[in-house]
Amino acid sequence: MNRNRKKVVAASVAVGMTMVMGVSPVLAADTDISKEEKTVIFFSILVFLGYYAIGALYFKGAYYELRTGALERRVDRVIYDRYAICGAGMVVFLSLYALCSRKEWINVSERIGMIAGYVGIGAIFLWKAYPEIIKYKGYIYNTIVLNTLSKRINPAKILSGDQYSGKCLIGMLILGFILMLTLLYLSQIQKKNMSYLLLIFVLLFDLFFIQINYVKIRKASNDYVTEATHDVVQFMQQFEDEVTGEFPYILKGGLSGIKIQFYQSQLMSYKMFGKKQEEQVNADNYFIISKHDDIDMTWYNQDYYLFDDFDYENTDYDIIYVKGEQLKEKMEQLGYTMVKYEKSAVEPFY
């Protein structure tokens, strides 16, 4: 194991053990902890460490690829991991339960330990992860809340990848620290119904984060997908029932900026495939959805056609090709006028 690998392992263990060290004093404290509560605490620890371990396995590969320059995208996996985050729910539940219903579990030393743990994890993040995160692009929609303080003007980059703002990431780290101090302060106020006010405070901030980031990230990207696929999807749906029985396949071109699943979810009767699956499909007649002139000249056989009544010239995103004489004849039987594809015919429409 080289020096860098040892550092990463040590950092990962330190972050994971922070959870255990935070809960251990509660179990060892001279407080009345019921058997049921102990069960929930142990279960929370196991869930967190289990998911954390799985996430760390995937994180390690992405981290080393970024460090060596082998990977120049997907830095979102360094910040967020879909496996590790699943274990956070039980930790949040246990924390709120202790802050609201079992305040005696958290004395001054525990509170100091929590603050020190946050500072320590933040330092590890800034030391090991932050330099790689701001260097390359990531899928913004995988880290919604972390975009709270940043501006996202181009929705296409949310889906295709964009760089994270270093200042905004540090700002979120500071905001999280302030929120933690606020919760610790509210939890020690000995007033009636204070626990309910604390939960309302958490709920309002959750709703705030969800709302601002849903509109900024999810809704913006969904609206972009709807706009980018609208012309093609609407046109293909006109004859969907008439052709999918005999000609169900659609080749999703490699130059298209729209992912295949965004078309497949709207054209459910069709069967979509990429260029890598062309030999497996082994079809001679199919539709093609892609950018202008995305025709692979290595298998260009002069049997590609365009629809005369599809507005190719004013289409900003993908267009439709027809591949194969049989499919072309089928479309003509349905009343569509087909025009033989010539590269120069669509070149001016870039």
Protein backbone atom coordinates (compact mmCIF):
# COMPACT_ATOMS: atom_id res chain seq x y z
CA MET A 1 0.00 0.00 0.00
CA ASN A 2 1.57 3.30 -1.09
CA ARG A 3 1.61 6.48 0.94
CA ASN A 4 -1.34 8.14 -0.77
CA ARG A 5 -3.46 5.02 -0.43
CA LYS A 6 -2.68 4.86 3.28
CA LYS A 7 -3.75 8.49 3.66
CA VAL A 8 -7.07 7.86 1.94
CA VAL A 9 -7.77 4.75 4.02
CA ALA A 10 -6.87 6.62 7.20
CA ALA A 11 -9.14 9.51 6.26
CA SER A 12 -12.02 7.17 5.45
CA VAL A 13 -11.64 5.31 8.74
CA ALA A 14 -11.50 8.62 10.61
CA VAL A 15 -14.77 9.79 9.07
CA GLY A 16 -16.51 6.47 9.72
CA MET A 17 -15.27 6.26 13.30
CA THR A 18 -16.60 9.75 14.03
CA MET A 19 -20.09 8.27 14.03
CA VAL A 20 -19.11 5.45 16.37
CA MET A 21 -17.24 7.77 18.71
CA GLY A 22 -20.22 10.10 18.81
CA VAL A 23 -22.63 7.35 19.84
CA SER A 24 -20.34 5.38 22.17
CA PRO A 25 -20.43 7.94 25.02
CA VAL A 26 -24.22 7.73 24.97
CA LEU A 27 -24.13 3.98 25.47
CA ALA A 28 -21.51 4.27 28.20
CA ALA A 29 -23.19 7.17 29.98
CA ASP A 30 -24.95 6.69 33.29
CA THR A 31 -28.41 7.32 31.85
CA ASP A 32 -31.59 5.34 31.66
CA ILE A 33 -31.41 3.82 28.18
CA SER A 34 -34.09 1.29 27.42
CA LYS A 35 -33.47 -1.95 25.59
CA GLU A 36 -35.46 -0.67 22.63
CA GLU A 37 -33.37 2.50 22.44
CA LYS A 38 -30.13 0.51 22.51
CA THR A 39 -31.45 -1.64 19.69
CA VAL A 40 -32.23 1.43 17.57
CA ILE A 41 -28.80 2.92 18.32
CA PHE A 42 -26.91 -0.24 17.38
CA PHE A 43 -29.06 -0.68 14.29
CA SER A 44 -28.35 2.92 13.24
CA ILE A 45 -24.61 2.36 13.65
CA LEU A 46 -24.70 -0.84 11.58
CA VAL A 47 -26.79 0.75 8.83
CA PHE A 48 -24.54 3.80 8.65
CA LEU A 49 -21.26 1.86 8.65
CA GLY A 50 -22.61 -0.70 6.17
CA TYR A 51 -23.72 1.86 3.64
CA TYR A 52 -20.62 3.94 4.31
CA ALA A 53 -18.36 0.96 3.60
CA ILE A 54 -20.16 0.20 0.32
CA GLY A 55 -19.96 3.85 -0.72
CA ALA A 56 -16.27 4.04 0.18
CA LEU A 57 -15.51 1.10 -2.13
CA TYR A 58 -16.96 2.97 -5.10
CA PHE A 59 -15.55 6.31 -3.97
CA LYS A 60 -12.01 4.93 -3.85
CA GLY A 61 -11.92 4.01 -7.54
CA ALA A 62 -13.34 7.34 -8.69
CA TYR A 63 -11.00 9.24 -6.38
CA TYR A 64 -7.84 7.55 -7.71
CA GLU A 65 -8.96 7.97 -11.30
CA LEU A 66 -9.45 11.68 -10.67
CA ARG A 67 -6.11 11.98 -8.88
CA THR A 68 -4.24 10.30 -11.74
CA GLY A 69 -6.12 12.16 -14.48
CA ALA A 70 -7.64 8.96 -15.90
CA LEU A 71 -11.10 10.35 -15.18
CA GLU A 72 -12.03 13.94 -16.01
CA ARG A 73 -15.71 13.84 -15.10
CA ARG A 74 -18.12 12.48 -12.46
CA VAL A 75 -16.54 14.38 -9.56
CA ASP A 76 -20.06 14.31 -8.11
CA ARG A 77 -19.20 10.81 -6.90
CA VAL A 78 -16.60 12.33 -4.59
CA ILE A 79 -19.23 14.55 -2.95
CA TYR A 80 -22.28 12.32 -3.06
CA ASP A 81 -22.62 8.57 -3.32
CA ARG A 82 -26.01 6.99 -3.82
CA TYR A 83 -25.05 4.06 -1.59
CA ALA A 84 -23.43 5.92 1.30
CA ILE A 85 -26.20 8.50 1.58
CA CYS A 86 -28.81 5.82 2.27
CA GLY A 87 -27.37 5.34 5.75
CA ALA A 88 -27.75 9.00 6.67
CA GLY A 89 -31.48 8.73 7.37
CA MET A 90 -31.05 6.60 10.48
CA VAL A 91 -28.30 8.90 11.78
CA VAL A 92 -30.50 11.97 11.30
CA PHE A 93 -33.40 10.24 13.05
CA LEU A 94 -31.21 9.24 15.99
CA SER A 95 -29.77 12.76 16.25
CA LEU A 96 -33.19 14.45 16.28
CA TYR A 97 -34.48 11.93 18.80
CA ALA A 98 -31.57 12.70 21.13
CA LEU A 99 -31.86 16.49 20.68
CA CYS A 100 -35.61 16.53 21.27
CA SER A 101 -36.46 13.66 23.62
CA ARG A 102 -33.25 12.52 25.31
CA LYS A 103 -31.27 15.70 25.90
CA GLU A 104 -29.51 14.13 28.89
CA TRP A 105 -27.58 11.95 26.46
CA ILE A 106 -25.77 15.00 25.10
CA ASN A 107 -23.75 16.83 27.72
CA VAL A 108 -21.12 19.51 27.22
CA SER A 109 -18.36 17.07 26.28
CA GLU A 110 -20.56 15.40 23.66
CA ARG A 111 -21.43 18.77 22.16
CA ILE A 112 -17.76 19.74 21.99
CA GLY A 113 -17.05 16.36 20.38
CA MET A 114 -19.71 16.99 17.72
CA ILE A 115 -18.25 20.39 16.87
CA ALA A 116 -14.74 18.95 16.73
CA GLY A 117 -15.98 16.09 14.54
CA TYR A 118 -17.58 18.47 12.06
CA VAL A 119 -14.42 20.57 11.91
CA GLY A 120 -12.30 17.43 11.45
CA ILE A 121 -14.44 16.03 8.65
CA GLY A 122 -14.53 19.46 7.00
CA ALA A 123 -10.73 19.63 7.16
CA ILE A 124 -10.41 16.17 5.56
CA PHE A 125 -12.84 17.25 2.84
CA LEU A 126 -10.87 20.43 2.08
CA TRP A 127 -7.57 18.54 2.21
CA LYS A 128 -8.34 15.45 0.12
CA ALA A 129 -11.54 15.94 -1.89
CA TYR A 130 -11.94 19.66 -2.55
CA PRO A 131 -8.88 20.07 -4.87
CA GLU A 132 -10.18 17.33 -7.19
CA ILE A 133 -13.80 18.47 -7.10
CA ILE A 134 -13.14 21.96 -8.42
CA LYS A 135 -10.80 20.65 -11.13
CA TYR A 136 -13.23 18.53 -13.18
CA LYS A 137 -16.89 18.37 -14.15
CA GLY A 138 -19.65 16.45 -12.42
CA TYR A 139 -23.33 15.66 -12.86
CA ILE A 140 -24.91 18.58 -11.02
CA TYR A 141 -28.30 16.90 -10.61
CA ASN A 142 -26.73 14.25 -8.35
CA THR A 143 -25.81 16.85 -5.72
CA ILE A 144 -28.89 19.06 -5.62
CA VAL A 145 -28.58 20.69 -2.17
CA LEU A 146 -24.90 21.54 -2.70
CA ASN A 147 -25.98 23.88 -5.50
CA THR A 148 -27.98 26.09 -3.12
CA LEU A 149 -25.53 28.99 -3.22
CA SER A 150 -24.53 28.68 -6.88
CA LYS A 151 -26.10 30.04 -10.05
CA ARG A 152 -27.16 27.56 -12.71
CA ILE A 153 -28.06 29.37 -15.91
CA ASN A 154 -27.56 26.66 -18.57
CA PRO A 155 -29.83 23.65 -17.81
CA ALA A 156 -28.08 21.54 -20.46
CA LYS A 157 -24.92 21.52 -18.33
CA ILE A 158 -26.89 20.19 -15.37
CA LEU A 159 -27.41 16.98 -17.35
CA SER A 160 -24.22 16.83 -19.40
CA GLY A 161 -21.84 17.92 -16.63
CA ASP A 162 -20.51 21.16 -15.22
CA GLN A 163 -17.88 22.35 -12.78
CA TYR A 164 -18.68 23.04 -9.15
CA SER A 165 -18.06 26.45 -7.64
CA GLY A 166 -15.36 26.20 -5.00
CA LYS A 167 -16.69 29.25 -3.13
CA CYS A 168 -20.20 27.80 -3.05
CA LEU A 169 -18.98 24.46 -1.69
CA ILE A 170 -17.07 26.21 1.09
CA GLY A 171 -20.15 28.35 1.71
CA MET A 172 -22.29 25.22 2.15
CA LEU A 173 -19.69 23.81 4.56
CA ILE A 174 -19.92 26.99 6.64
CA LEU A 175 -23.73 27.04 6.43
CA GLY A 176 -23.87 23.44 7.68
CA PHE A 177 -21.65 24.37 10.62
CA ILE A 178 -23.90 27.31 11.52
CA LEU A 179 -27.01 25.13 11.33
CA MET A 180 -25.40 22.52 13.62
CA LEU A 181 -24.53 25.19 16.21
CA THR A 182 -28.08 26.53 15.99
CA LEU A 183 -29.59 23.09 16.61
CA LEU A 184 -27.28 22.46 19.55
CA TYR A 185 -28.21 25.83 21.03
CA LEU A 186 -31.95 25.32 20.59
CA SER A 187 -31.80 21.85 22.10
CA GLN A 188 -30.43 23.13 25.41
CA ILE A 189 -33.17 25.73 25.97
CA GLN A 190 -35.38 24.43 28.75
CA LYS A 191 -38.76 25.70 27.69
CA LYS A 192 -42.07 24.01 27.07
CA ASN A 193 -42.62 22.84 23.49
CA MET A 194 -39.00 23.72 22.58
CA SER A 195 -38.58 20.28 21.04
CA TYR A 196 -41.45 20.98 18.67
CA LEU A 197 -39.93 24.31 17.70
CA LEU A 198 -36.63 22.56 16.96
CA LEU A 199 -38.35 20.05 14.69
CA ILE A 200 -40.25 22.86 12.95
CA PHE A 201 -36.93 24.66 12.41
CA VAL A 202 -35.45 21.54 10.78
CA LEU A 203 -38.57 20.99 8.68
CA LEU A 204 -38.61 24.57 7.39
CA PHE A 205 -34.96 24.39 6.36
CA ASP A 206 -35.59 21.06 4.63
CA LEU A 207 -38.49 22.58 2.71
CA PHE A 208 -36.37 25.62 1.87
CA PHE A 209 -33.55 23.47 0.47
CA ILE A 210 -35.96 21.26 -1.43
CA GLN A 211 -37.88 24.16 -2.96
CA ILE A 212 -34.94 26.30 -4.02
CA ASN A 213 -33.02 23.36 -5.48
CA TYR A 214 -36.01 21.64 -7.04
CA VAL A 215 -36.75 24.79 -9.05
CA LYS A 216 -33.07 25.48 -9.79
CA ILE A 217 -31.93 21.94 -10.66
CA ARG A 218 -34.64 19.34 -11.13
CA LYS A 219 -37.34 21.50 -12.67
CA ALA A 220 -34.83 23.35 -14.84
CA SER A 221 -33.37 20.11 -16.18
CA ASN A 222 -36.83 18.55 -16.66
CA ASP A 223 -38.02 21.62 -18.56
CA TYR A 224 -34.90 21.45 -20.73
CA VAL A 225 -35.52 17.77 -21.55
CA THR A 226 -39.14 18.51 -22.42
CA GLU A 227 -38.12 21.35 -24.73
CA ALA A 228 -35.23 19.44 -26.33
CA THR A 229 -37.25 16.29 -27.07
CA HIS A 230 -40.64 17.86 -27.83
CA ASP A 231 -40.41 18.13 -31.64
CA VAL A 232 -39.06 14.62 -32.16
CA VAL A 233 -41.32 12.92 -29.62
CA GLN A 234 -44.45 14.65 -30.87
CA PHE A 235 -43.66 13.70 -34.46
CA MET A 236 -42.81 10.06 -33.64
CA GLN A 237 -46.00 9.65 -31.62
CA GLN A 238 -48.12 10.43 -34.69
CA PHE A 239 -47.43 7.01 -36.22
CA GLU A 240 -46.33 5.08 -33.13
CA ASP A 241 -49.21 2.59 -33.17
CA GLU A 242 -48.98 1.97 -36.93
CA VAL A 243 -45.25 1.16 -37.22
CA THR A 244 -43.97 -0.26 -33.91
CA GLY A 245 -45.39 -3.70 -34.58
CA GLU A 246 -43.20 -4.16 -37.67
CA PHE A 247 -40.48 -1.53 -37.20
CA PRO A 248 -40.02 -0.91 -33.47
CA TYR A 249 -36.34 0.10 -33.37
CA ILE A 250 -34.83 3.56 -32.93
CA LEU A 251 -31.09 4.13 -33.06
CA LYS A 252 -30.03 6.88 -30.66
CA GLY A 253 -27.15 8.67 -32.38
CA GLY A 254 -23.89 9.32 -30.59
CA LEU A 255 -23.78 13.07 -31.32
CA SER A 256 -27.10 13.75 -29.60
CA GLY A 257 -26.84 15.69 -26.36
CA ILE A 258 -30.03 14.11 -24.99
CA LYS A 259 -29.70 10.83 -23.11
CA ILE A 260 -31.45 7.77 -24.48
CA GLN A 261 -33.66 7.29 -21.39
CA PHE A 262 -35.31 10.68 -21.90
CA TYR A 263 -36.61 9.52 -25.26
CA GLN A 264 -37.40 5.97 -24.19
CA SER A 265 -39.57 7.17 -21.30
CA GLN A 266 -41.75 9.11 -23.76
CA LEU A 267 -41.73 6.61 -26.63
CA MET A 268 -42.53 3.45 -24.73
CA SER A 269 -43.77 1.44 -27.72
CA TYR A 270 -40.42 1.82 -29.51
CA LYS A 271 -37.23 -0.09 -28.68
CA MET A 272 -34.23 2.21 -28.49
CA PHE A 273 -30.59 1.20 -28.82
CA GLY A 274 -27.20 2.87 -29.17
CA LYS A 275 -24.53 2.48 -31.82
CA LYS A 276 -22.67 -0.08 -29.70
CA GLN A 277 -25.73 -2.36 -29.81
CA GLU A 278 -26.22 -2.13 -33.57
CA GLU A 279 -24.78 -5.57 -34.32
CA GLN A 280 -26.83 -7.18 -31.55
CA VAL A 281 -30.06 -5.69 -32.87
CA ASN A 282 -29.21 -6.78 -36.43
CA ALA A 283 -31.93 -4.66 -38.06
CA ASP A 284 -31.83 -3.07 -41.51
CA ASN A 285 -34.84 -0.79 -41.07
CA TYR A 286 -35.14 1.60 -38.16
CA PHE A 287 -35.47 5.24 -37.17
CA ILE A 288 -32.51 7.36 -36.07
CA ILE A 289 -32.74 10.20 -33.57
CA SER A 290 -29.64 12.36 -33.41
CA LYS A 291 -28.00 15.60 -34.40
CA HIS A 292 -27.78 16.94 -37.94
CA ASP A 293 -25.54 14.79 -40.16
CA ASP A 294 -24.88 12.16 -37.49
CA ILE A 295 -24.55 9.47 -40.15
CA ASP A 296 -21.66 7.07 -39.67
CA MET A 297 -19.94 7.01 -43.07
CA THR A 298 -18.48 3.56 -42.35
CA TRP A 299 -21.93 2.03 -42.84
CA TYR A 300 -23.46 4.59 -45.19
CA ASN A 301 -25.41 2.63 -47.82
CA GLN A 302 -27.42 5.37 -49.52
CA ASP A 303 -30.68 4.21 -47.92
CA TYR A 304 -31.29 7.03 -45.46
CA TYR A 305 -34.32 9.29 -45.73
CA LEU A 306 -35.80 12.44 -44.20
CA PHE A 307 -39.42 13.42 -43.64
CA ASP A 308 -40.54 16.17 -46.01
CA ASP A 309 -42.88 17.66 -43.39
CA PHE A 310 -40.49 17.60 -40.41
CA ASP A 311 -39.08 21.06 -39.73
CA TYR A 312 -35.37 20.19 -39.97
CA GLU A 313 -34.24 23.74 -40.64
CA ASN A 314 -35.69 25.23 -37.43
CA THR A 315 -34.95 22.32 -35.11
CA ASP A 316 -32.41 23.33 -32.47
CA TYR A 317 -31.86 19.87 -31.03
CA ASP A 318 -32.25 16.37 -32.52
CA ILE A 319 -33.78 15.36 -35.83
CA ILE A 320 -35.22 12.14 -37.29
CA TYR A 321 -33.77 9.89 -40.00
CA VAL A 322 -35.33 6.83 -41.58
CA LYS A 323 -32.96 3.95 -42.35
CA GLY A 324 -33.98 1.25 -44.84
CA GLU A 325 -36.13 0.92 -47.94
CA GLN A 326 -38.89 -1.11 -46.27
CA LEU A 327 -39.42 1.43 -43.49
CA LYS A 328 -39.35 4.24 -46.04
CA GLU A 329 -42.08 2.50 -48.06
CA LYS A 330 -44.10 1.93 -44.88
CA MET A 331 -43.99 5.64 -44.05
CA GLU A 332 -45.07 6.50 -47.60
CA GLN A 333 -48.03 4.12 -47.22
CA LEU A 334 -49.00 6.08 -44.12
CA GLY A 335 -49.05 9.28 -46.20
CA TYR A 336 -45.63 10.75 -45.42
CA THR A 337 -43.44 12.14 -48.20
CA MET A 338 -39.87 10.89 -47.87
CA VAL A 339 -36.79 12.70 -49.17
CA LYS A 340 -33.54 10.88 -49.86
CA TYR A 341 -30.82 11.93 -47.43
CA GLU A 342 -27.97 13.92 -48.89
CA LYS A 343 -25.31 15.30 -46.58
CA SER A 344 -25.45 18.73 -48.18
CA ALA A 345 -29.23 18.79 -47.71
CA VAL A 346 -29.01 19.32 -43.95
CA GLU A 347 -25.52 20.79 -43.58
CA PRO A 348 -26.67 24.46 -43.52
CA PHE A 349 -28.93 23.77 -40.54
CA TYR A 350 -26.13 23.58 -37.93
